[in-house]
Amino acid sequence: MTDDLESREPSDRSANHTSRGLVIFVVVLVCYVLSPIPVAWGLVRIGVFDRAESAFEMFYAPLGYLAQHFEFVDNFYVWQTHLFGL
């Protein structure tokens, strides 16, 4: 039995690797964009938000910038804040 990776041409393996990397990048980006309010909610629930606030703000600073400059981004995070009861 031949290995599937060995039977493919190098260009096929490269394209497959590139598309897999792109999918992983998009998934990580979507998780990052959706995560600040749930992460803040979790930190508040376990009682460590006060100690982690500066790291939290630094990690999510790009999203804070977008929320300040684009109303639809701000509205999304306001909606998420209401959803999580923060």
Protein backbone atom coordinates (compact mmCIF):
# COMPACT_ATOMS: atom_id res chain seq x y z
CA MET A 1 0.00 0.00 0.00
CA THR A 2 1.43 3.37 -0.94
CA ASP A 3 1.31 6.39 1.28
CA ASP A 4 -1.13 9.03 0.03
CA LEU A 5 1.41 11.82 0.55
CA GLU A 6 4.10 9.99 -1.41
CA SER A 7 1.83 9.44 -4.40
CA ARG A 8 1.01 13.11 -4.80
CA GLU A 9 3.02 15.50 -6.86
CA PRO A 10 5.02 18.11 -4.87
CA SER A 11 2.77 20.90 -6.14
CA ASP A 12 -0.31 19.03 -4.82
CA ARG A 13 1.26 18.67 -1.38
CA SER A 14 2.24 22.34 -1.38
CA ALA A 15 -1.25 23.50 -2.34
CA ASN A 16 -2.81 21.23 0.29
CA HIS A 17 -0.41 22.54 2.94
CA THR A 18 -1.12 26.15 1.97
CA SER A 19 -4.89 25.73 2.04
CA ARG A 20 -4.70 23.96 5.41
CA GLY A 21 -2.60 26.81 6.79
CA LEU A 22 -5.10 29.35 5.46
CA VAL A 23 -8.01 27.51 7.11
CA ILE A 24 -6.16 27.40 10.43
CA PHE A 25 -5.35 31.11 10.17
CA VAL A 26 -8.99 32.01 9.47
CA VAL A 27 -10.24 29.85 12.36
CA VAL A 28 -7.76 31.44 14.78
CA LEU A 29 -8.67 34.93 13.56
CA VAL A 30 -12.40 34.28 13.99
CA CYS A 31 -11.84 32.86 17.48
CA TYR A 32 -9.76 35.93 18.40
CA VAL A 33 -12.43 38.34 17.16
CA LEU A 34 -15.22 36.53 19.01
CA SER A 35 -13.32 35.92 22.25
CA PRO A 36 -12.82 39.18 24.24
CA ILE A 37 -16.21 39.34 25.95
CA PRO A 38 -16.40 35.60 26.81
CA VAL A 39 -12.82 35.74 28.11
CA ALA A 40 -13.60 38.84 30.21
CA TRP A 41 -16.75 37.11 31.51
CA GLY A 42 -14.70 34.07 32.53
CA LEU A 43 -12.04 36.18 34.23
CA VAL A 44 -14.71 38.07 36.16
CA ARG A 45 -16.41 34.80 37.17
CA ILE A 46 -13.21 33.34 38.61
CA GLY A 47 -12.31 36.67 40.23
CA VAL A 48 -9.02 37.47 38.53
CA PHE A 49 -10.02 40.15 36.05
CA ASP A 50 -8.52 42.94 38.19
CA ARG A 51 -5.11 41.26 38.10
CA ALA A 52 -5.31 40.36 34.41
CA GLU A 53 -6.84 43.59 33.14
CA SER A 54 -3.66 45.15 31.73
CA ALA A 55 -2.69 41.95 29.89
CA PHE A 56 -6.27 41.61 28.64
CA GLU A 57 -6.29 45.19 27.33
CA MET A 58 -2.91 44.77 25.64
CA PHE A 59 -3.87 41.45 23.98
CA TYR A 60 -7.17 42.82 22.68
CA ALA A 61 -5.89 46.34 21.85
CA PRO A 62 -6.34 45.85 18.07
CA LEU A 63 -10.00 45.01 18.62
CA GLY A 64 -10.36 48.01 20.93
CA TYR A 65 -8.97 50.22 18.19
CA LEU A 66 -11.46 48.80 15.70
CA ALA A 67 -14.33 49.28 18.16
CA GLN A 68 -13.34 52.93 18.63
CA HIS A 69 -13.17 53.63 14.89
CA PHE A 70 -15.98 51.47 13.45
CA GLU A 71 -19.47 51.71 14.84
CA PHE A 72 -20.54 48.22 13.71
CA VAL A 73 -17.61 46.65 15.60
CA ASP A 74 -18.51 48.62 18.73
CA ASN A 75 -22.16 47.62 18.37
CA PHE A 76 -21.17 43.96 18.11
CA TYR A 77 -19.17 44.09 21.35
CA VAL A 78 -21.93 46.06 23.11
CA TRP A 79 -24.37 43.33 22.06
CA GLN A 80 -21.99 40.63 23.33
CA THR A 81 -21.58 42.52 26.62
CA HIS A 82 -25.35 42.54 27.11
CA LEU A 83 -25.54 38.86 26.14
CA PHE A 84 -23.00 37.89 28.81
CA GLY A 85 -24.41 40.28 31.39
CA LEU A 86 -21.26 42.34 31.86
